[in-house]
Amino acid sequence: MADKYSIKFLDLAFTDGTPKKAFLTACVVGSILTTINHGDTILSGHFPPIWKVILTYCVPFCVTTWGSYLGKRSRILQQKQIDELYGNDHA
């Protein structure tokens, strides 16, 4: 990240362990949601449509990634304001 004030999505969403955290969250939350939403179907010996199961795991991954991006973006913008206020804007 060349610019210390960069708030580009790709610069923030896929750094600092965010993908790993999002993956682990998706595994846990996706499994819980799959059980809640499709448990009866699975217990009856059938399998729900694969696209529904994939989306069930993708949603918590995306939500975790988005939340991480927003948090990092907020901290960067706040730090930028502080640096501008005190004249510490050495990029």
PDB file of N, CA and C in Angstrom:
ATOM      1  N   MET A   1       0.863  -1.175   0.000  1.00  0.00           N
ATOM      2  CA  MET A   1       0.000   0.000   0.000  1.00  0.00           C
ATOM      3  C   MET A   1       0.909   1.237   0.000  1.00  0.00           C
ATOM      4  N   ALA A   2       1.032   1.855  -1.150  1.00  0.00           N
ATOM      5  CA  ALA A   2       1.944   2.987  -1.296  1.00  0.00           C
ATOM      6  C   ALA A   2       1.450   4.207  -0.527  1.00  0.00           C
ATOM      7  N   ASP A   3       0.184   4.514  -0.632  1.00  0.00           N
ATOM      8  CA  ASP A   3      -0.397   5.680   0.031  1.00  0.00           C
ATOM      9  C   ASP A   3      -0.936   5.250   1.391  1.00  0.00           C
ATOM     10  N   LYS A   4      -0.394   5.830   2.456  1.00  0.00           N
ATOM     11  CA  LYS A   4      -0.833   5.400   3.794  1.00  0.00           C
ATOM     12  C   LYS A   4      -2.280   5.778   4.073  1.00  0.00           C
ATOM     13  N   TYR A   5      -2.860   6.647   3.250  1.00  0.00           N
ATOM     14  CA  TYR A   5      -4.261   7.029   3.414  1.00  0.00           C
ATOM     15  C   TYR A   5      -5.162   6.368   2.374  1.00  0.00           C
ATOM     16  N   SER A   6      -4.663   5.347   1.685  1.00  0.00           N
ATOM     17  CA  SER A   6      -5.460   4.678   0.666  1.00  0.00           C
ATOM     18  C   SER A   6      -6.666   3.998   1.308  1.00  0.00           C
ATOM     19  N   ILE A   7      -7.820   4.232   0.723  1.00  0.00           N
ATOM     20  CA  ILE A   7      -9.034   3.566   1.208  1.00  0.00           C
ATOM     21  C   ILE A   7      -9.643   2.710   0.096  1.00  0.00           C
ATOM     22  N   LYS A   8      -8.816   2.308  -0.859  1.00  0.00           N
ATOM     23  CA  LYS A   8      -9.277   1.427  -1.930  1.00  0.00           C
ATOM     24  C   LYS A   8      -9.694   0.093  -1.333  1.00  0.00           C
ATOM     25  N   PHE A   9     -10.810  -0.406  -1.830  1.00  0.00           N
ATOM     26  CA  PHE A   9     -11.375  -1.647  -1.289  1.00  0.00           C
ATOM     27  C   PHE A   9     -10.349  -2.782  -1.305  1.00  0.00           C
ATOM     28  N   LEU A  10      -9.716  -3.015  -2.437  1.00  0.00           N
ATOM     29  CA  LEU A  10      -8.780  -4.136  -2.536  1.00  0.00           C
ATOM     30  C   LEU A  10      -7.568  -3.960  -1.632  1.00  0.00           C
ATOM     31  N   ASP A  11      -7.153  -2.715  -1.412  1.00  0.00           N
ATOM     32  CA  ASP A  11      -6.021  -2.463  -0.516  1.00  0.00           C
ATOM     33  C   ASP A  11      -6.341  -2.845   0.927  1.00  0.00           C
ATOM     34  N   LEU A  12      -7.585  -2.703   1.311  1.00  0.00           N
ATOM     35  CA  LEU A  12      -7.963  -2.936   2.712  1.00  0.00           C
ATOM     36  C   LEU A  12      -8.636  -4.288   2.953  1.00  0.00           C
ATOM     37  N   ALA A  13      -9.430  -4.740   2.003  1.00  0.00           N
ATOM     38  CA  ALA A  13     -10.234  -5.945   2.219  1.00  0.00           C
ATOM     39  C   ALA A  13      -9.410  -7.231   2.206  1.00  0.00           C
ATOM     40  N   PHE A  14      -8.273  -7.217   1.538  1.00  0.00           N
ATOM     41  CA  PHE A  14      -7.511  -8.448   1.405  1.00  0.00           C
ATOM     42  C   PHE A  14      -6.119  -8.337   1.999  1.00  0.00           C
ATOM     43  N   THR A  15      -6.024  -7.606   3.118  1.00  0.00           N
ATOM     44  CA  THR A  15      -4.764  -7.477   3.848  1.00  0.00           C
ATOM     45  C   THR A  15      -5.018  -7.721   5.327  1.00  0.00           C
ATOM     46  N   ASP A  16      -3.950  -7.836   6.082  1.00  0.00           N
ATOM     47  CA  ASP A  16      -4.015  -7.950   7.550  1.00  0.00           C
ATOM     48  C   ASP A  16      -4.848  -9.123   8.039  1.00  0.00           C
ATOM     49  N   GLY A  17      -4.849 -10.209   7.305  1.00  0.00           N
ATOM     50  CA  GLY A  17      -5.557 -11.401   7.760  1.00  0.00           C
ATOM     51  C   GLY A  17      -7.053 -11.380   7.565  1.00  0.00           C
ATOM     52  N   THR A  18      -7.574 -10.379   6.885  1.00  0.00           N
ATOM     53  CA  THR A  18      -9.025 -10.300   6.683  1.00  0.00           C
ATOM     54  C   THR A  18      -9.589 -11.524   5.950  1.00  0.00           C
ATOM     55  N   PRO A  19      -8.965 -11.993   4.854  1.00  0.00           N
ATOM     56  CA  PRO A  19      -9.535 -13.163   4.177  1.00  0.00           C
ATOM     57  C   PRO A  19      -9.607 -14.400   5.080  1.00  0.00           C
ATOM     58  N   LYS A  20      -8.582 -14.595   5.899  1.00  0.00           N
ATOM     59  CA  LYS A  20      -8.582 -15.758   6.802  1.00  0.00           C
ATOM     60  C   LYS A  20      -9.715 -15.627   7.835  1.00  0.00           C
ATOM     61  N   LYS A  21      -9.860 -14.437   8.415  1.00  0.00           N
ATOM     62  CA  LYS A  21     -10.934 -14.209   9.388  1.00  0.00           C
ATOM     63  C   LYS A  21     -12.299 -14.406   8.731  1.00  0.00           C
ATOM     64  N   ALA A  22     -12.443 -13.882   7.516  1.00  0.00           N
ATOM     65  CA  ALA A  22     -13.718 -14.004   6.804  1.00  0.00           C
ATOM     66  C   ALA A  22     -14.005 -15.462   6.472  1.00  0.00           C
ATOM     67  N   PHE A  23     -12.977 -16.208   6.086  1.00  0.00           N
ATOM     68  CA  PHE A  23     -13.150 -17.629   5.771  1.00  0.00           C
ATOM     69  C   PHE A  23     -13.589 -18.409   7.008  1.00  0.00           C
ATOM     70  N   LEU A  24     -12.912 -18.173   8.131  1.00  0.00           N
ATOM     71  CA  LEU A  24     -13.272 -18.898   9.359  1.00  0.00           C
ATOM     72  C   LEU A  24     -14.684 -18.530   9.827  1.00  0.00           C
ATOM     73  N   THR A  25     -15.024 -17.256   9.715  1.00  0.00           N
ATOM     74  CA  THR A  25     -16.380 -16.824  10.062  1.00  0.00           C
ATOM     75  C   THR A  25     -17.395 -17.500   9.155  1.00  0.00           C
ATOM     76  N   ALA A  26     -17.102 -17.553   7.859  1.00  0.00           N
ATOM     77  CA  ALA A  26     -18.012 -18.190   6.904  1.00  0.00           C
ATOM     78  C   ALA A  26     -18.193 -19.666   7.216  1.00  0.00           C
ATOM     79  N   CYS A  27     -17.107 -20.325   7.626  1.00  0.00           N
ATOM     80  CA  CYS A  27     -17.217 -21.755   7.967  1.00  0.00           C
ATOM     81  C   CYS A  27     -18.153 -21.976   9.151  1.00  0.00           C
ATOM     82  N   VAL A  28     -17.979 -21.183  10.186  1.00  0.00           N
ATOM     83  CA  VAL A  28     -18.800 -21.349  11.388  1.00  0.00           C
ATOM     84  C   VAL A  28     -20.238 -20.905  11.143  1.00  0.00           C
ATOM     85  N   VAL A  29     -20.402 -19.655  10.703  1.00  0.00           N
ATOM     86  CA  VAL A  29     -21.749 -19.102  10.523  1.00  0.00           C
ATOM     87  C   VAL A  29     -22.475 -19.806   9.379  1.00  0.00           C
ATOM     88  N   GLY A  30     -21.748 -20.100   8.297  1.00  0.00           N
ATOM     89  CA  GLY A  30     -22.362 -20.813   7.175  1.00  0.00           C
ATOM     90  C   GLY A  30     -22.872 -22.177   7.576  1.00  0.00           C
ATOM     91  N   SER A  31     -22.118 -22.887   8.400  1.00  0.00           N
ATOM     92  CA  SER A  31     -22.563 -24.213   8.866  1.00  0.00           C
ATOM     93  C   SER A  31     -23.804 -24.101   9.746  1.00  0.00           C
ATOM     94  N   ILE A  32     -23.813 -23.108  10.619  1.00  0.00           N
ATOM     95  CA  ILE A  32     -24.988 -22.895  11.481  1.00  0.00           C
ATOM     96  C   ILE A  32     -26.207 -22.558  10.630  1.00  0.00           C
ATOM     97  N   LEU A  33     -26.037 -21.644   9.685  1.00  0.00           N
ATOM     98  CA  LEU A  33     -27.169 -21.250   8.835  1.00  0.00           C
ATOM     99  C   LEU A  33     -27.636 -22.389   7.935  1.00  0.00           C
ATOM    100  N   THR A  34     -26.691 -23.184   7.438  1.00  0.00           N
ATOM    101  CA  THR A  34     -27.072 -24.338   6.619  1.00  0.00           C
ATOM    102  C   THR A  34     -27.893 -25.317   7.443  1.00  0.00           C
ATOM    103  N   THR A  35     -27.487 -25.529   8.674  1.00  0.00           N
ATOM    104  CA  THR A  35     -28.236 -26.429   9.555  1.00  0.00           C
ATOM    105  C   THR A  35     -29.634 -25.879   9.826  1.00  0.00           C
ATOM    106  N   ILE A  36     -29.723 -24.597  10.115  1.00  0.00           N
ATOM    107  CA  ILE A  36     -31.027 -23.985  10.388  1.00  0.00           C
ATOM    108  C   ILE A  36     -31.913 -24.011   9.151  1.00  0.00           C
ATOM    109  N   ASN A  37     -31.365 -23.599   8.019  1.00  0.00           N
ATOM    110  CA  ASN A  37     -32.181 -23.443   6.818  1.00  0.00           C
ATOM    111  C   ASN A  37     -32.432 -24.737   6.051  1.00  0.00           C
ATOM    112  N   HIS A  38     -31.512 -25.689   6.118  1.00  0.00           N
ATOM    113  CA  HIS A  38     -31.632 -26.884   5.290  1.00  0.00           C
ATOM    114  C   HIS A  38     -31.507 -28.181   6.078  1.00  0.00           C
ATOM    115  N   GLY A  39     -31.446 -28.086   7.396  1.00  0.00           N
ATOM    116  CA  GLY A  39     -31.265 -29.286   8.220  1.00  0.00           C
ATOM    117  C   GLY A  39     -32.328 -30.334   8.009  1.00  0.00           C
ATOM    118  N   ASP A  40     -33.583 -29.927   7.924  1.00  0.00           N
ATOM    119  CA  ASP A  40     -34.661 -30.893   7.736  1.00  0.00           C
ATOM    120  C   ASP A  40     -34.543 -31.611   6.392  1.00  0.00           C
ATOM    121  N   THR A  41     -34.126 -30.890   5.371  1.00  0.00           N
ATOM    122  CA  THR A  41     -33.942 -31.494   4.044  1.00  0.00           C
ATOM    123  C   THR A  41     -32.800 -32.502   4.079  1.00  0.00           C
ATOM    124  N   ILE A  42     -31.699 -32.121   4.707  1.00  0.00           N
ATOM    125  CA  ILE A  42     -30.540 -33.002   4.793  1.00  0.00           C
ATOM    126  C   ILE A  42     -30.874 -34.245   5.620  1.00  0.00           C
ATOM    127  N   LEU A  43     -31.575 -34.060   6.743  1.00  0.00           N
ATOM    128  CA  LEU A  43     -31.949 -35.207   7.584  1.00  0.00           C
ATOM    129  C   LEU A  43     -32.922 -36.152   6.897  1.00  0.00           C
ATOM    130  N   SER A  44     -33.670 -35.638   5.934  1.00  0.00           N
ATOM    131  CA  SER A  44     -34.606 -36.511   5.210  1.00  0.00           C
ATOM    132  C   SER A  44     -33.905 -37.278   4.088  1.00  0.00           C
ATOM    133  N   GLY A  45     -32.584 -37.092   3.974  1.00  0.00           N
ATOM    134  CA  GLY A  45     -31.818 -37.856   2.994  1.00  0.00           C
ATOM    135  C   GLY A  45     -31.629 -37.158   1.663  1.00  0.00           C
ATOM    136  N   HIS A  46     -32.031 -35.944   1.587  1.00  0.00           N
ATOM    137  CA  HIS A  46     -31.869 -35.179   0.355  1.00  0.00           C
ATOM    138  C   HIS A  46     -30.836 -34.077   0.578  1.00  0.00           C
ATOM    139  N   PHE A  47     -30.411 -33.480  -0.509  1.00  0.00           N
ATOM    140  CA  PHE A  47     -29.460 -32.375  -0.397  1.00  0.00           C
ATOM    141  C   PHE A  47     -30.083 -31.150  -1.039  1.00  0.00           C
ATOM    142  N   PRO A  48     -30.023 -30.005  -0.357  1.00  0.00           N
ATOM    143  CA  PRO A  48     -30.588 -28.776  -0.940  1.00  0.00           C
ATOM    144  C   PRO A  48     -29.804 -28.371  -2.187  1.00  0.00           C
ATOM    145  N   PRO A  49     -30.379 -27.517  -3.015  1.00  0.00           N
ATOM    146  CA  PRO A  49     -29.644 -27.041  -4.195  1.00  0.00           C
ATOM    147  C   PRO A  49     -28.291 -26.461  -3.786  1.00  0.00           C
ATOM    148  N   ILE A  50     -27.260 -26.867  -4.497  1.00  0.00           N
ATOM    149  CA  ILE A  50     -25.896 -26.480  -4.133  1.00  0.00           C
ATOM    150  C   ILE A  50     -25.708 -24.971  -4.123  1.00  0.00           C
ATOM    151  N   TRP A  51     -26.381 -24.266  -5.022  1.00  0.00           N
ATOM    152  CA  TRP A  51     -26.225 -22.809  -5.074  1.00  0.00           C
ATOM    153  C   TRP A  51     -26.738 -22.156  -3.794  1.00  0.00           C
ATOM    154  N   LYS A  52     -27.762 -22.751  -3.169  1.00  0.00           N
ATOM    155  CA  LYS A  52     -28.270 -22.200  -1.913  1.00  0.00           C
ATOM    156  C   LYS A  52     -27.261 -22.401  -0.782  1.00  0.00           C
ATOM    157  N   VAL A  53     -26.614 -23.538  -0.777  1.00  0.00           N
ATOM    158  CA  VAL A  53     -25.604 -23.819   0.252  1.00  0.00           C
ATOM    159  C   VAL A  53     -24.392 -22.899   0.050  1.00  0.00           C
ATOM    160  N   ILE A  54     -23.967 -22.739  -1.187  1.00  0.00           N
ATOM    161  CA  ILE A  54     -22.823 -21.863  -1.476  1.00  0.00           C
ATOM    162  C   ILE A  54     -23.133 -20.436  -1.030  1.00  0.00           C
ATOM    163  N   LEU A  55     -24.327 -19.940  -1.354  1.00  0.00           N
ATOM    164  CA  LEU A  55     -24.706 -18.588  -0.923  1.00  0.00           C
ATOM    165  C   LEU A  55     -24.762 -18.478   0.595  1.00  0.00           C
ATOM    166  N   THR A  56     -25.167 -19.546   1.254  1.00  0.00           N
ATOM    167  CA  THR A  56     -25.241 -19.547   2.713  1.00  0.00           C
ATOM    168  C   THR A  56     -23.852 -19.330   3.321  1.00  0.00           C
ATOM    169  N   TYR A  57     -22.811 -19.801   2.658  1.00  0.00           N
ATOM    170  CA  TYR A  57     -21.440 -19.589   3.127  1.00  0.00           C
ATOM    171  C   TYR A  57     -20.863 -18.266   2.616  1.00  0.00           C
ATOM    172  N   CYS A  58     -21.275 -17.848   1.435  1.00  0.00           N
ATOM    173  CA  CYS A  58     -20.736 -16.601   0.855  1.00  0.00           C
ATOM    174  C   CYS A  58     -21.195 -15.361   1.615  1.00  0.00           C
ATOM    175  N   VAL A  59     -22.415 -15.374   2.101  1.00  0.00           N
ATOM    176  CA  VAL A  59     -22.946 -14.182   2.778  1.00  0.00           C
ATOM    177  C   VAL A  59     -22.115 -13.806   4.011  1.00  0.00           C
ATOM    178  N   PRO A  60     -21.842 -14.716   4.944  1.00  0.00           N
ATOM    179  CA  PRO A  60     -21.018 -14.302   6.092  1.00  0.00           C
ATOM    180  C   PRO A  60     -19.587 -13.929   5.685  1.00  0.00           C
ATOM    181  N   PHE A  61     -19.048 -14.549   4.625  1.00  0.00           N
ATOM    182  CA  PHE A  61     -17.726 -14.163   4.148  1.00  0.00           C
ATOM    183  C   PHE A  61     -17.743 -12.712   3.678  1.00  0.00           C
ATOM    184  N   CYS A  62     -18.745 -12.367   2.878  1.00  0.00           N
ATOM    185  CA  CYS A  62     -18.847 -10.998   2.349  1.00  0.00           C
ATOM    186  C   CYS A  62     -19.124  -9.983   3.453  1.00  0.00           C
ATOM    187  N   VAL A  63     -19.982 -10.335   4.390  1.00  0.00           N
ATOM    188  CA  VAL A  63     -20.310  -9.416   5.481  1.00  0.00           C
ATOM    189  C   VAL A  63     -19.076  -9.155   6.353  1.00  0.00           C
ATOM    190  N   THR A  64     -18.324 -10.194   6.652  1.00  0.00           N
ATOM    191  CA  THR A  64     -17.111 -10.031   7.454  1.00  0.00           C
ATOM    192  C   THR A  64     -16.085  -9.179   6.716  1.00  0.00           C
ATOM    193  N   THR A  65     -15.909  -9.434   5.427  1.00  0.00           N
ATOM    194  CA  THR A  65     -14.967  -8.662   4.621  1.00  0.00           C
ATOM    195  C   THR A  65     -15.385  -7.201   4.560  1.00  0.00           C
ATOM    196  N   TRP A  66     -16.671  -6.955   4.325  1.00  0.00           N
ATOM    197  CA  TRP A  66     -17.178  -5.584   4.228  1.00  0.00           C
ATOM    198  C   TRP A  66     -17.016  -4.847   5.568  1.00  0.00           C
ATOM    199  N   GLY A  67     -17.351  -5.507   6.651  1.00  0.00           N
ATOM    200  CA  GLY A  67     -17.202  -4.896   7.972  1.00  0.00           C
ATOM    201  C   GLY A  67     -15.758  -4.560   8.281  1.00  0.00           C
ATOM    202  N   SER A  68     -14.850  -5.444   7.912  1.00  0.00           N
ATOM    203  CA  SER A  68     -13.432  -5.188   8.122  1.00  0.00           C
ATOM    204  C   SER A  68     -12.978  -3.999   7.290  1.00  0.00           C
ATOM    205  N   TYR A  69     -13.417  -3.952   6.042  1.00  0.00           N
ATOM    206  CA  TYR A  69     -13.070  -2.822   5.174  1.00  0.00           C
ATOM    207  C   TYR A  69     -13.561  -1.506   5.774  1.00  0.00           C
ATOM    208  N   LEU A  70     -14.815  -1.477   6.220  1.00  0.00           N
ATOM    209  CA  LEU A  70     -15.369  -0.245   6.781  1.00  0.00           C
ATOM    210  C   LEU A  70     -14.617   0.197   8.037  1.00  0.00           C
ATOM    211  N   GLY A  71     -14.250  -0.766   8.880  1.00  0.00           N
ATOM    212  CA  GLY A  71     -13.502  -0.445  10.094  1.00  0.00           C
ATOM    213  C   GLY A  71     -12.130   0.125   9.773  1.00  0.00           C
ATOM    214  N   LYS A  72     -11.415  -0.519   8.850  1.00  0.00           N
ATOM    215  CA  LYS A  72     -10.088  -0.028   8.461  1.00  0.00           C
ATOM    216  C   LYS A  72     -10.199   1.342   7.796  1.00  0.00           C
ATOM    217  N   ARG A  73     -11.201   1.501   6.935  1.00  0.00           N
ATOM    218  CA  ARG A  73     -11.412   2.786   6.239  1.00  0.00           C
ATOM    219  C   ARG A  73     -11.660   3.903   7.248  1.00  0.00           C
ATOM    220  N   SER A  74     -12.486   3.621   8.237  1.00  0.00           N
ATOM    221  CA  SER A  74     -12.791   4.613   9.261  1.00  0.00           C
ATOM    222  C   SER A  74     -11.539   5.022  10.031  1.00  0.00           C
ATOM    223  N   ARG A  75     -10.727   4.042  10.413  1.00  0.00           N
ATOM    224  CA  ARG A  75      -9.486   4.347  11.141  1.00  0.00           C
ATOM    225  C   ARG A  75      -8.529   5.177  10.290  1.00  0.00           C
ATOM    226  N   ILE A  76      -8.420   4.849   9.009  1.00  0.00           N
ATOM    227  CA  ILE A  76      -7.519   5.597   8.123  1.00  0.00           C
ATOM    228  C   ILE A  76      -7.986   7.032   7.969  1.00  0.00           C
ATOM    229  N   LEU A  77      -9.281   7.220   7.738  1.00  0.00           N
ATOM    230  CA  LEU A  77      -9.803   8.582   7.565  1.00  0.00           C
ATOM    231  C   LEU A  77      -9.672   9.392   8.850  1.00  0.00           C
ATOM    232  N   GLN A  78      -9.876   8.748   9.982  1.00  0.00           N
ATOM    233  CA  GLN A  78      -9.711   9.428  11.269  1.00  0.00           C
ATOM    234  C   GLN A  78      -8.247   9.815  11.479  1.00  0.00           C
ATOM    235  N   GLN A  79      -7.334   8.906  11.156  1.00  0.00           N
ATOM    236  CA  GLN A  79      -5.912   9.200  11.304  1.00  0.00           C
ATOM    237  C   GLN A  79      -5.493  10.311  10.351  1.00  0.00           C
ATOM    238  N   LYS A  80      -6.057  10.325   9.162  1.00  0.00           N
ATOM    239  CA  LYS A  80      -5.749  11.385   8.192  1.00  0.00           C
ATOM    240  C   LYS A  80      -6.173  12.747   8.744  1.00  0.00           C
ATOM    241  N   GLN A  81      -7.360  12.806   9.349  1.00  0.00           N
ATOM    242  CA  GLN A  81      -7.830  14.063   9.945  1.00  0.00           C
ATOM    243  C   GLN A  81      -6.909  14.513  11.073  1.00  0.00           C
ATOM    244  N   ILE A  82      -6.500  13.583  11.909  1.00  0.00           N
ATOM    245  CA  ILE A  82      -5.593  13.906  13.018  1.00  0.00           C
ATOM    246  C   ILE A  82      -4.266  14.411  12.477  1.00  0.00           C
ATOM    247  N   ASP A  83      -3.732  13.709  11.469  1.00  0.00           N
ATOM    248  CA  ASP A  83      -2.448  14.123  10.895  1.00  0.00           C
ATOM    249  C   ASP A  83      -2.537  15.506  10.248  1.00  0.00           C
ATOM    250  N   GLU A  84      -3.653  15.778   9.567  1.00  0.00           N
ATOM    251  CA  GLU A  84      -3.828  17.098   8.954  1.00  0.00           C
ATOM    252  C   GLU A  84      -3.964  18.191  10.014  1.00  0.00           C
ATOM    253  N   LEU A  85      -4.648  17.867  11.097  1.00  0.00           N
ATOM    254  CA  LEU A  85      -4.830  18.827  12.178  1.00  0.00           C
ATOM    255  C   LEU A  85      -3.508  19.196  12.830  1.00  0.00           C
ATOM    256  N   TYR A  86      -2.661  18.200  13.029  1.00  0.00           N
ATOM    257  CA  TYR A  86      -1.390  18.432  13.714  1.00  0.00           C
ATOM    258  C   TYR A  86      -0.204  18.570  12.767  1.00  0.00           C
ATOM    259  N   GLY A  87      -0.478  18.552  11.464  1.00  0.00           N
ATOM    260  CA  GLY A  87       0.594  18.749  10.486  1.00  0.00           C
ATOM    261  C   GLY A  87       1.505  17.557  10.321  1.00  0.00           C
ATOM    262  N   ASN A  88       1.012  16.373  10.599  1.00  0.00           N
ATOM    263  CA  ASN A  88       1.804  15.146  10.453  1.00  0.00           C
ATOM    264  C   ASN A  88       1.417  14.385   9.195  1.00  0.00           C
ATOM    265  N   ASP A  89       1.185  15.064   8.111  1.00  0.00           N
ATOM    266  CA  ASP A  89       0.677  14.405   6.917  1.00  0.00           C
ATOM    267  C   ASP A  89       1.796  13.953   5.972  1.00  0.00           C
ATOM    268  N   HIS A  90       2.766  13.275   6.510  1.00  0.00           N
ATOM    269  CA  HIS A  90       3.862  12.744   5.693  1.00  0.00           C
ATOM    270  C   HIS A  90       3.410  11.405   5.133  1.00  0.00           C
ATOM    271  N   ALA A  91       3.049  11.365   3.873  1.00  0.00           N
ATOM    272  CA  ALA A  91       2.547  10.137   3.242  1.00  0.00           C
ATOM    273  C   ALA A  91       3.677   9.202   2.887  1.00  0.00           C
TER     274      ALA A  91
END
